[in-house]
Amino acid sequence: MAHIETWYRCPTCNRVWSSQKEAITCRNSHPVKAERWAIGKNGKAVAVSYRGLDWALREADLSDFIHERAKQLEGGEKC
């Protein structure tokens, strides 16, 4: 007959453990990953790893709204 088991998954490496304590120990054993983000003047965040530092800095200052972005790009607004 089928039965139910509870497995505990490490959120970092996705390994499955039979106890919560083992999963927590596994999670805590992973190193912290540092990420670099460009933060624009309005709080917009863009990952530097996506297309590089220069692109991320420029993109972070540009608007996500199409019309406003077009004005920024054609007006030569300094980002």
C-alpha atoms as a PDB file:
ATOM      1  CA  MET A   1       0.000   0.000   0.000  1.00  0.00           C
ATOM      2  CA  ALA A   2       1.202   3.528  -0.719  1.00  0.00           C
ATOM      3  CA  HIS A   3       2.309   5.743   2.116  1.00  0.00           C
ATOM      4  CA  ILE A   4       3.221   9.385   2.706  1.00  0.00           C
ATOM      5  CA  GLU A   5       6.740  10.551   3.559  1.00  0.00           C
ATOM      6  CA  THR A   6       7.945  14.038   4.358  1.00  0.00           C
ATOM      7  CA  TRP A   7      11.143  15.080   2.632  1.00  0.00           C
ATOM      8  CA  TYR A   8      13.078  18.245   3.358  1.00  0.00           C
ATOM      9  CA  ARG A   9      14.733  19.997   0.441  1.00  0.00           C
ATOM     10  CA  CYS A  10      17.768  22.292   0.710  1.00  0.00           C
ATOM     11  CA  PRO A  11      16.734  25.583  -0.986  1.00  0.00           C
ATOM     12  CA  THR A  12      20.292  26.184  -2.194  1.00  0.00           C
ATOM     13  CA  CYS A  13      21.313  22.904  -3.863  1.00  0.00           C
ATOM     14  CA  ASN A  14      17.916  21.112  -4.058  1.00  0.00           C
ATOM     15  CA  ARG A  15      19.181  17.958  -2.314  1.00  0.00           C
ATOM     16  CA  VAL A  16      16.485  16.031  -0.461  1.00  0.00           C
ATOM     17  CA  TRP A  17      16.946  15.007   3.171  1.00  0.00           C
ATOM     18  CA  SER A  18      14.912  12.796   5.471  1.00  0.00           C
ATOM     19  CA  SER A  19      15.086  15.230   8.393  1.00  0.00           C
ATOM     20  CA  GLN A  20      14.635  18.970   8.706  1.00  0.00           C
ATOM     21  CA  LYS A  21      17.854  19.212  10.741  1.00  0.00           C
ATOM     22  CA  GLU A  22      19.892  17.687   7.887  1.00  0.00           C
ATOM     23  CA  ALA A  23      18.333  20.068   5.350  1.00  0.00           C
ATOM     24  CA  ILE A  24      19.074  23.093   7.556  1.00  0.00           C
ATOM     25  CA  THR A  25      22.667  21.935   8.084  1.00  0.00           C
ATOM     26  CA  CYS A  26      23.073  21.542   4.310  1.00  0.00           C
ATOM     27  CA  ARG A  27      21.595  25.007   3.651  1.00  0.00           C
ATOM     28  CA  ASN A  28      23.911  26.600   6.204  1.00  0.00           C
ATOM     29  CA  SER A  29      26.981  24.904   4.725  1.00  0.00           C
ATOM     30  CA  HIS A  30      26.720  26.724   1.388  1.00  0.00           C
ATOM     31  CA  PRO A  31      28.775  29.869   0.831  1.00  0.00           C
ATOM     32  CA  VAL A  32      27.037  33.196   0.426  1.00  0.00           C
ATOM     33  CA  LYS A  33      26.897  34.367  -3.194  1.00  0.00           C
ATOM     34  CA  ALA A  34      27.637  38.035  -3.815  1.00  0.00           C
ATOM     35  CA  GLU A  35      25.806  39.738  -6.692  1.00  0.00           C
ATOM     36  CA  ARG A  36      26.470  43.163  -8.191  1.00  0.00           C
ATOM     37  CA  TRP A  37      23.483  45.371  -9.042  1.00  0.00           C
ATOM     38  CA  ALA A  38      23.283  48.850 -10.550  1.00  0.00           C
ATOM     39  CA  ILE A  39      20.693  50.978  -8.733  1.00  0.00           C
ATOM     40  CA  GLY A  40      19.224  53.893 -10.711  1.00  0.00           C
ATOM     41  CA  LYS A  41      18.154  57.304  -9.501  1.00  0.00           C
ATOM     42  CA  ASN A  42      14.532  56.120  -9.144  1.00  0.00           C
ATOM     43  CA  GLY A  43      15.427  52.868  -7.370  1.00  0.00           C
ATOM     44  CA  LYS A  44      15.380  50.588 -10.423  1.00  0.00           C
ATOM     45  CA  ALA A  45      17.809  47.669  -9.975  1.00  0.00           C
ATOM     46  CA  VAL A  46      19.607  45.956 -12.884  1.00  0.00           C
ATOM     47  CA  ALA A  47      21.926  42.951 -12.530  1.00  0.00           C
ATOM     48  CA  VAL A  48      25.467  43.745 -13.684  1.00  0.00           C
ATOM     49  CA  SER A  49      26.029  40.104 -14.679  1.00  0.00           C
ATOM     50  CA  TYR A  50      23.331  40.319 -17.391  1.00  0.00           C
ATOM     51  CA  ARG A  51      25.139  42.533 -19.963  1.00  0.00           C
ATOM     52  CA  GLY A  52      28.019  44.160 -18.117  1.00  0.00           C
ATOM     53  CA  LEU A  53      28.676  47.161 -15.904  1.00  0.00           C
ATOM     54  CA  ASP A  54      28.298  50.023 -18.417  1.00  0.00           C
ATOM     55  CA  TRP A  55      25.019  48.701 -19.794  1.00  0.00           C
ATOM     56  CA  ALA A  56      23.603  48.069 -16.298  1.00  0.00           C
ATOM     57  CA  LEU A  57      24.468  51.595 -15.105  1.00  0.00           C
ATOM     58  CA  ARG A  58      22.818  53.143 -18.176  1.00  0.00           C
ATOM     59  CA  GLU A  59      19.765  50.869 -18.052  1.00  0.00           C
ATOM     60  CA  ALA A  60      19.206  51.495 -14.332  1.00  0.00           C
ATOM     61  CA  ASP A  61      18.727  55.222 -14.980  1.00  0.00           C
ATOM     62  CA  LEU A  62      16.400  54.764 -17.979  1.00  0.00           C
ATOM     63  CA  SER A  63      12.644  54.575 -17.474  1.00  0.00           C
ATOM     64  CA  ASP A  64      10.678  51.372 -18.055  1.00  0.00           C
ATOM     65  CA  PHE A  65       7.844  53.390 -19.638  1.00  0.00           C
ATOM     66  CA  ILE A  66       8.223  53.331 -23.434  1.00  0.00           C
ATOM     67  CA  HIS A  67       7.291  56.965 -24.121  1.00  0.00           C
ATOM     68  CA  GLU A  68       9.405  58.386 -21.318  1.00  0.00           C
ATOM     69  CA  ARG A  69      12.318  56.136 -22.291  1.00  0.00           C
ATOM     70  CA  ALA A  70      12.112  57.302 -25.926  1.00  0.00           C
ATOM     71  CA  LYS A  71      12.288  60.932 -24.780  1.00  0.00           C
ATOM     72  CA  GLN A  72      15.302  60.157 -22.612  1.00  0.00           C
ATOM     73  CA  LEU A  73      17.115  58.436 -25.465  1.00  0.00           C
ATOM     74  CA  GLU A  74      16.346  60.925 -28.238  1.00  0.00           C
ATOM     75  CA  GLY A  75      16.844  63.998 -26.048  1.00  0.00           C
ATOM     76  CA  GLY A  76      20.302  62.812 -25.129  1.00  0.00           C
ATOM     77  CA  GLU A  77      19.417  63.063 -21.467  1.00  0.00           C
ATOM     78  CA  LYS A  78      22.466  62.230 -19.434  1.00  0.00           C
ATOM     79  CA  CYS A  79      21.839  59.013 -17.537  1.00  0.00           C
END
